[in-house]
N, C-alpha and C. Protein backbone atom coordinates (compact mmCIF):
# COMPACT_ATOMS: atom_id res chain seq x y z
N MET A 1 226.08 94.52 159.09
CA MET A 1 226.39 96.16 158.38
C MET A 1 226.03 95.61 157.01
N SER A 2 224.68 96.13 156.75
CA SER A 2 224.69 96.67 154.92
C SER A 2 225.90 96.51 153.65
N SER A 3 225.78 96.56 152.19
CA SER A 3 226.20 96.62 151.63
C SER A 3 227.08 97.99 151.65
N ASP A 4 226.00 98.68 151.51
CA ASP A 4 225.82 100.14 151.74
C ASP A 4 227.04 100.97 152.93
N ASN A 5 226.96 100.66 153.88
CA ASN A 5 227.34 100.63 155.57
C ASN A 5 229.12 100.01 155.21
N LEU A 6 228.79 99.43 154.36
CA LEU A 6 230.55 98.57 154.21
C LEU A 6 231.65 99.49 153.38
N ALA A 7 230.66 99.89 152.20
CA ALA A 7 231.41 100.71 151.66
C ALA A 7 231.55 102.32 151.93
N LYS A 8 230.16 102.79 152.81
CA LYS A 8 230.75 103.92 153.83
C LYS A 8 231.80 103.88 153.86
N ASP A 9 231.87 102.78 155.46
CA ASP A 9 232.95 102.09 155.82
C ASP A 9 234.24 102.47 155.53
N GLU A 10 234.36 101.86 154.26
CA GLU A 10 235.64 101.86 153.36
C GLU A 10 235.82 102.61 152.88
N GLU A 11 234.92 103.68 152.44
CA GLU A 11 235.36 104.90 152.57
C GLU A 11 235.83 105.46 152.94
N GLU A 12 235.43 105.71 154.21
CA GLU A 12 236.09 106.96 155.89
C GLU A 12 237.40 106.50 155.88
N PHE A 13 237.64 104.93 156.05
CA PHE A 13 239.02 104.71 156.04
C PHE A 13 239.89 105.21 155.45
N HIS A 14 239.57 104.95 154.24
CA HIS A 14 240.69 104.83 153.22
C HIS A 14 241.22 106.88 153.04
N THR A 15 239.84 107.73 153.33
CA THR A 15 240.59 109.29 153.25
C THR A 15 240.92 109.41 154.67
N ALA A 16 240.74 108.86 155.63
CA ALA A 16 241.19 109.17 157.41
C ALA A 16 242.58 108.15 156.99
N TYR A 17 242.83 107.43 156.08
CA TYR A 17 244.04 106.57 156.61
C TYR A 17 245.02 107.93 155.50
N ARG A 18 244.54 108.62 154.15
CA ARG A 18 245.45 109.19 153.24
C ARG A 18 245.35 110.64 154.62
N VAL A 19 245.16 110.99 155.12
CA VAL A 19 245.10 112.38 156.09
C VAL A 19 246.73 111.66 157.27
N PHE A 20 246.40 110.36 157.76
CA PHE A 20 247.23 109.80 158.70
C PHE A 20 248.17 109.85 157.80
N LEU A 21 248.57 109.62 156.66
CA LEU A 21 249.89 109.42 155.91
C LEU A 21 250.63 110.86 155.19
N ASP A 22 249.68 111.59 155.46
CA ASP A 22 250.01 113.21 155.14
C ASP A 22 250.95 113.24 155.72
N ALA A 23 250.01 113.19 157.66
CA ALA A 23 250.41 113.48 158.32
C ALA A 23 252.11 113.07 158.98
N LEU A 24 252.03 111.75 158.59
CA LEU A 24 253.39 110.96 159.00
C LEU A 24 254.73 111.18 158.30
N GLY A 25 254.59 111.59 156.88
CA GLY A 25 254.91 111.96 155.95
C GLY A 25 255.97 113.06 156.26
N MET A 26 254.88 114.11 157.00
CA MET A 26 254.92 115.80 157.69
C MET A 26 256.57 114.81 158.66
N LEU A 27 255.82 114.71 159.83
CA LEU A 27 256.11 114.16 160.97
C LEU A 27 257.98 113.13 160.52
N ALA A 28 257.93 112.54 159.38
CA ALA A 28 259.23 111.98 159.70
C ALA A 28 259.95 113.20 158.33
N MET A 29 259.95 114.16 158.06
CA MET A 29 260.41 114.96 157.81
C MET A 29 261.39 115.61 158.82
N PRO A 30 262.69 116.81 157.69
CA PRO A 30 263.30 117.39 159.31
C PRO A 30 262.49 118.40 159.56
N ALA A 31 262.67 118.98 160.91
CA ALA A 31 262.46 120.39 160.99
C ALA A 31 261.80 121.48 161.04
N GLN A 32 263.24 122.03 160.23
CA GLN A 32 262.66 122.97 158.79
C GLN A 32 261.40 122.75 157.86
N GLN A 33 261.61 121.11 157.12
CA GLN A 33 261.07 121.03 156.23
C GLN A 33 259.40 120.73 156.50
N GLN A 34 259.65 120.02 158.02
CA GLN A 34 258.05 120.32 158.81
C GLN A 34 257.37 121.67 158.34
N CYS A 35 257.88 122.78 158.84
CA CYS A 35 257.83 123.81 159.56
C CYS A 35 256.85 124.24 157.94
N VAL A 36 257.84 124.24 157.01
CA VAL A 36 257.61 124.78 155.72
C VAL A 36 256.33 124.40 154.66
N ALA A 37 256.22 122.75 155.49
CA ALA A 37 255.28 122.03 154.35
C ALA A 37 253.81 122.76 155.73
N MET A 38 253.93 122.73 156.77
CA MET A 38 253.00 123.20 157.56
C MET A 38 252.67 124.52 156.91
N GLY A 39 253.40 125.57 156.53
CA GLY A 39 253.50 126.53 156.42
C GLY A 39 253.66 127.61 157.47
N ASN A 40 254.06 126.82 158.90
CA ASN A 40 254.16 127.51 159.73
C ASN A 40 253.51 128.57 160.71
N PHE A 41 252.27 127.33 160.42
CA PHE A 41 250.92 127.64 161.65
C PHE A 41 251.11 126.07 162.55
N ASN A 42 251.22 126.41 164.04
CA ASN A 42 250.34 125.63 164.73
C ASN A 42 251.13 123.59 164.42
N VAL A 43 252.55 123.92 164.60
CA VAL A 43 253.01 122.67 163.30
C VAL A 43 253.03 121.71 164.25
N ALA A 44 253.53 122.04 165.96
CA ALA A 44 253.56 120.63 166.63
C ALA A 44 251.92 120.66 166.80
N TRP A 45 251.81 121.21 167.04
CA TRP A 45 250.20 120.91 168.31
C TRP A 45 249.78 120.21 166.26
N GLU A 46 249.26 120.34 165.81
CA GLU A 46 248.60 119.91 164.16
C GLU A 46 249.32 118.22 163.72
N LEU A 47 250.59 118.42 164.24
CA LEU A 47 251.79 116.98 163.45
C LEU A 47 251.19 116.41 165.48
N LYS A 48 251.41 116.55 166.48
CA LYS A 48 250.81 115.83 167.53
C LYS A 48 249.45 115.26 167.20
N HIS A 49 248.08 116.40 167.05
CA HIS A 49 246.76 115.75 166.71
C HIS A 49 247.25 115.09 165.61
N ASP A 50 247.64 115.10 164.36
CA ASP A 50 247.46 114.06 163.19
C ASP A 50 247.98 112.63 163.29
N VAL A 51 249.20 113.00 164.17
CA VAL A 51 249.50 111.60 163.90
C VAL A 51 248.94 110.60 164.93
N ALA A 52 248.67 111.19 166.65
CA ALA A 52 247.94 110.84 167.42
C ALA A 52 246.74 110.37 166.99
N ALA A 53 245.72 110.69 166.51
CA ALA A 53 244.35 110.29 166.01
C ALA A 53 244.56 108.86 164.59
N GLY A 54 245.89 108.99 164.79
CA GLY A 54 246.38 107.30 163.77
C GLY A 54 245.57 105.93 164.58
N LYS A 55 245.57 106.19 165.61
CA LYS A 55 245.20 105.01 167.06
C LYS A 55 243.42 104.67 166.24
N TYR A 56 242.80 105.46 165.48
CA TYR A 56 241.74 105.05 164.90
C TYR A 56 241.17 104.64 163.88
N LEU A 57 242.48 104.22 163.26
CA LEU A 57 242.56 102.97 162.53
C LEU A 57 242.99 102.08 162.31
N VAL A 58 243.13 102.16 163.37
CA VAL A 58 243.70 100.99 164.12
C VAL A 58 242.36 99.53 165.00
N GLY A 59 242.63 98.27 164.70
CA GLY A 59 240.59 97.50 164.79
C GLY A 59 239.76 97.79 163.60
N ARG A 60 240.23 98.14 162.55
CA ARG A 60 239.26 98.29 161.93
C ARG A 60 238.98 97.39 160.36
N GLY A 61 240.35 96.63 160.62
CA GLY A 61 239.54 95.71 160.22
C GLY A 61 240.50 95.46 158.30
N TYR A 62 241.20 96.34 157.86
CA TYR A 62 241.97 96.85 156.83
C TYR A 62 243.42 96.79 156.87
N LEU A 63 244.10 96.88 158.24
CA LEU A 63 245.88 96.64 157.81
C LEU A 63 245.57 95.27 158.94
N ASN A 64 246.97 95.05 158.77
CA ASN A 64 247.77 93.87 159.42
C ASN A 64 247.66 93.93 160.96
N PRO A 65 248.04 93.01 161.15
CA PRO A 65 248.30 93.10 162.29
C PRO A 65 249.32 93.87 162.85
N GLU A 66 250.46 93.68 162.10
CA GLU A 66 251.99 94.62 162.52
C GLU A 66 251.82 96.24 162.00
N GLN A 67 250.87 95.94 161.28
CA GLN A 67 250.91 97.68 160.79
C GLN A 67 250.10 98.30 161.84
N GLU A 68 249.03 97.68 162.34
CA GLU A 68 248.23 98.68 163.42
C GLU A 68 249.07 98.46 164.51
N ALA A 69 250.11 97.79 164.15
CA ALA A 69 250.66 97.63 165.83
C ALA A 69 251.82 98.96 165.92
N TRP A 70 252.43 99.69 164.39
CA TRP A 70 253.74 100.47 164.36
C TRP A 70 252.48 101.48 164.61
N ILE A 71 251.28 101.48 163.69
CA ILE A 71 250.46 102.96 163.86
C ILE A 71 249.81 103.44 165.83
N ALA A 72 249.85 102.37 166.73
CA ALA A 72 249.11 102.00 167.14
C ALA A 72 250.53 102.87 168.85
N ALA A 73 251.54 102.22 167.95
CA ALA A 73 253.02 102.28 169.02
C ALA A 73 253.76 104.17 168.58
N LEU A 74 253.25 104.33 167.86
CA LEU A 74 253.75 105.79 167.06
C LEU A 74 252.75 106.83 167.98
N ALA A 75 251.60 106.38 167.48
CA ALA A 75 250.19 107.26 168.31
C ALA A 75 250.35 107.51 169.63
N GLY A 76 250.71 106.56 170.27
CA GLY A 76 251.06 106.81 172.07
C GLY A 76 252.35 107.92 172.01
N ALA A 77 253.31 107.57 171.55
CA ALA A 77 254.68 108.03 171.50
C ALA A 77 254.75 109.55 171.53
N VAL A 78 253.54 109.63 170.12
CA VAL A 78 253.59 111.20 169.74
C VAL A 78 252.39 111.94 171.12
N GLU A 79 251.62 111.09 171.86
CA GLU A 79 250.83 111.89 172.60
C GLU A 79 252.24 112.21 173.76
N ALA A 80 252.93 111.20 174.42
CA ALA A 80 253.69 111.50 174.80
C ALA A 80 255.07 113.17 175.18
N VAL A 81 254.57 113.32 173.72
CA VAL A 81 255.26 115.10 173.72
C VAL A 81 254.73 115.76 174.91
N PRO A 82 255.49 116.14 175.28
CA PRO A 82 255.14 117.07 176.16
C PRO A 82 254.24 119.23 176.09
N VAL A 83 253.62 119.01 176.01
CA VAL A 83 252.94 120.91 175.96
C VAL A 83 253.52 121.16 175.68
N GLN A 84 254.14 121.79 177.00
CA GLN A 84 255.46 122.98 177.37
C GLN A 84 255.54 123.05 175.50
N VAL A 85 256.56 122.06 175.00
CA VAL A 85 256.66 122.27 173.44
C VAL A 85 255.70 122.40 172.22
N LEU A 86 254.97 123.01 172.92
CA LEU A 86 253.93 122.72 171.44
C LEU A 86 253.19 124.21 171.63
N PRO A 87 254.27 125.65 171.20
CA PRO A 87 253.30 126.65 170.69
C PRO A 87 252.31 126.93 169.59
N ALA A 88 251.78 127.54 169.80
CA ALA A 88 250.28 128.03 169.36
C ALA A 88 250.66 129.41 168.37
N GLY A 89 250.15 129.45 166.83
CA GLY A 89 250.34 130.47 166.11
C GLY A 89 251.35 130.27 164.85
N ALA A 90 251.22 131.81 164.29
CA ALA A 90 252.34 131.30 163.07
C ALA A 90 253.68 132.08 162.88
N GLU A 91 254.09 132.27 164.28
CA GLU A 91 255.62 132.72 164.35
C GLU A 91 256.77 131.57 163.53
N SER A 92 257.31 131.30 162.67
CA SER A 92 258.47 130.60 162.17
C SER A 92 259.42 130.58 163.17
N GLU A 93 259.50 131.37 163.82
CA GLU A 93 260.78 130.88 164.74
C GLU A 93 260.35 129.83 165.56
N ALA A 94 259.50 130.02 166.97
CA ALA A 94 258.51 129.66 167.76
C ALA A 94 258.21 127.92 167.11
N ASN A 95 257.60 127.66 165.80
CA ASN A 95 257.57 126.76 165.34
C ASN A 95 258.45 126.38 165.02
N LEU A 96 260.11 126.63 164.64
CA LEU A 96 260.92 125.60 164.46
C LEU A 96 261.60 125.55 165.28
N THR A 97 261.68 126.03 166.49
CA THR A 97 262.20 125.83 167.96
C THR A 97 261.50 124.84 168.30
N ALA A 98 259.94 124.43 168.19
CA ALA A 98 259.19 123.92 168.60
C ALA A 98 259.54 122.28 168.33
N MET A 99 259.77 122.31 166.74
CA MET A 99 260.05 121.02 166.23
C MET A 99 261.38 120.85 166.52
N GLN A 100 262.29 120.94 166.66
CA GLN A 100 263.65 120.89 167.14
C GLN A 100 264.05 120.58 168.69
N HIS A 101 262.75 120.39 169.52
CA HIS A 101 262.75 119.43 170.78
C HIS A 101 263.32 118.23 170.17
N ALA A 102 263.90 117.98 171.77
CA ALA A 102 264.58 116.67 171.85
C ALA A 102 263.46 115.62 171.14
N SER A 103 262.30 115.52 171.89
CA SER A 103 260.92 114.94 172.13
C SER A 103 260.34 114.21 170.35
N TRP A 104 260.97 115.30 169.42
CA TRP A 104 260.15 115.26 168.18
C TRP A 104 261.83 114.04 167.67
N VAL A 105 263.33 113.56 168.01
CA VAL A 105 263.77 113.07 167.67
C VAL A 105 263.29 112.20 166.92
N PRO A 106 263.19 110.95 168.46
CA PRO A 106 263.04 109.69 168.06
C PRO A 106 262.06 109.32 166.81
N LEU A 107 260.33 110.37 166.98
CA LEU A 107 259.16 110.64 166.77
C LEU A 107 259.33 109.93 164.81
N ARG A 108 260.48 110.95 164.29
CA ARG A 108 260.75 111.19 162.89
C ARG A 108 261.38 109.62 162.72
N VAL A 109 262.37 109.02 163.59
CA VAL A 109 262.90 107.93 162.69
C VAL A 109 261.18 106.76 162.92
N ILE A 110 260.88 106.97 163.56
CA ILE A 110 259.70 105.73 163.84
C ILE A 110 258.80 105.97 162.87
N ALA A 111 258.26 107.61 162.61
CA ALA A 111 257.77 107.80 161.47
C ALA A 111 258.21 107.11 160.05
N ALA A 112 258.81 107.22 160.02
CA ALA A 112 260.26 107.05 158.55
C ALA A 112 260.36 105.06 158.74
N GLU A 113 259.66 104.54 159.87
CA GLU A 113 260.18 103.35 160.03
C GLU A 113 258.48 102.79 159.68
N VAL A 114 257.62 103.40 160.25
CA VAL A 114 256.07 102.97 159.93
C VAL A 114 255.42 103.51 158.58
N LEU A 115 255.82 104.56 158.04
CA LEU A 115 255.84 104.84 156.42
C LEU A 115 256.21 103.59 155.87
N GLU A 116 257.14 103.28 155.76
CA GLU A 116 258.06 101.47 155.25
C GLU A 116 256.47 100.43 155.83
N ALA A 117 256.90 100.06 156.77
CA ALA A 117 255.84 99.17 157.16
C ALA A 117 254.42 99.18 156.45
N LEU A 118 254.54 100.65 155.99
CA LEU A 118 252.44 100.63 155.83
C LEU A 118 252.33 101.10 154.00
N SER A 119 253.38 100.17 153.14
CA SER A 119 253.83 101.11 151.83
C SER A 119 252.65 99.72 151.30
N PRO A 120 252.92 98.68 151.42
CA PRO A 120 252.00 98.11 150.69
C PRO A 120 250.46 97.97 150.82
N PHE A 121 250.33 98.45 152.05
CA PHE A 121 248.59 99.27 152.08
C PHE A 121 248.67 100.50 151.82
N THR A 122 249.57 101.25 151.75
CA THR A 122 249.74 102.82 150.79
C THR A 122 249.54 102.89 149.18
N THR A 123 249.75 101.19 149.05
CA THR A 123 249.68 101.33 147.30
C THR A 123 248.56 101.36 146.93
N GLN A 124 247.63 100.00 148.04
CA GLN A 124 246.28 99.95 147.69
C GLN A 124 245.03 101.43 148.11
N ASN A 125 245.63 101.74 149.28
CA ASN A 125 245.05 102.93 149.45
C ASN A 125 245.41 103.68 148.05
N ALA A 126 245.94 104.29 147.33
CA ALA A 126 246.18 105.16 146.22
C ALA A 126 245.49 104.52 144.93
N LYS A 127 245.30 103.33 144.81
CA LYS A 127 244.29 102.64 144.08
C LYS A 127 242.68 102.75 144.55
N TYR A 128 242.17 102.46 145.92
CA TYR A 128 241.31 103.02 146.11
C TYR A 128 241.15 104.50 145.24
N LEU A 129 241.53 105.19 146.43
CA LEU A 129 240.98 106.57 145.92
C LEU A 129 241.76 107.25 145.06
N LYS A 130 242.08 106.54 143.56
CA LYS A 130 241.98 106.85 142.54
C LYS A 130 243.66 108.11 141.94
N LEU A 131 244.67 107.42 143.22
CA LEU A 131 245.63 108.59 143.25
C LEU A 131 246.72 107.99 142.32
N ALA A 132 247.14 106.95 141.40
CA ALA A 132 247.51 105.71 141.49
C ALA A 132 246.84 105.32 139.73
């Protein structure tokens, strides 16, 4: 891979990581805060999709094996959220009800653990993206 392609790959990884990190932070919030943070629009669908996309960060060579294992485990767990509890739309009550479903409870706990496990790379990511 040429140095231009390596630089492009690194930039794409850091950008995708930041999107995943934002979703992870939202997943770790209580249900009502999740809904507000996401504008009460397709909250469950969006969180499920954005967190599950973390699996594409695994195997790229930027994270250590432990960090990759956390991400893979969470991505797999979030994919198990039943589709029946994923309402579409902008109705605040429906979004809140969806996010209060029992399937989200352990995912919030895991998300907080993953955030902690990723914190060293998150610092690197912020520096790379010139956010810190």
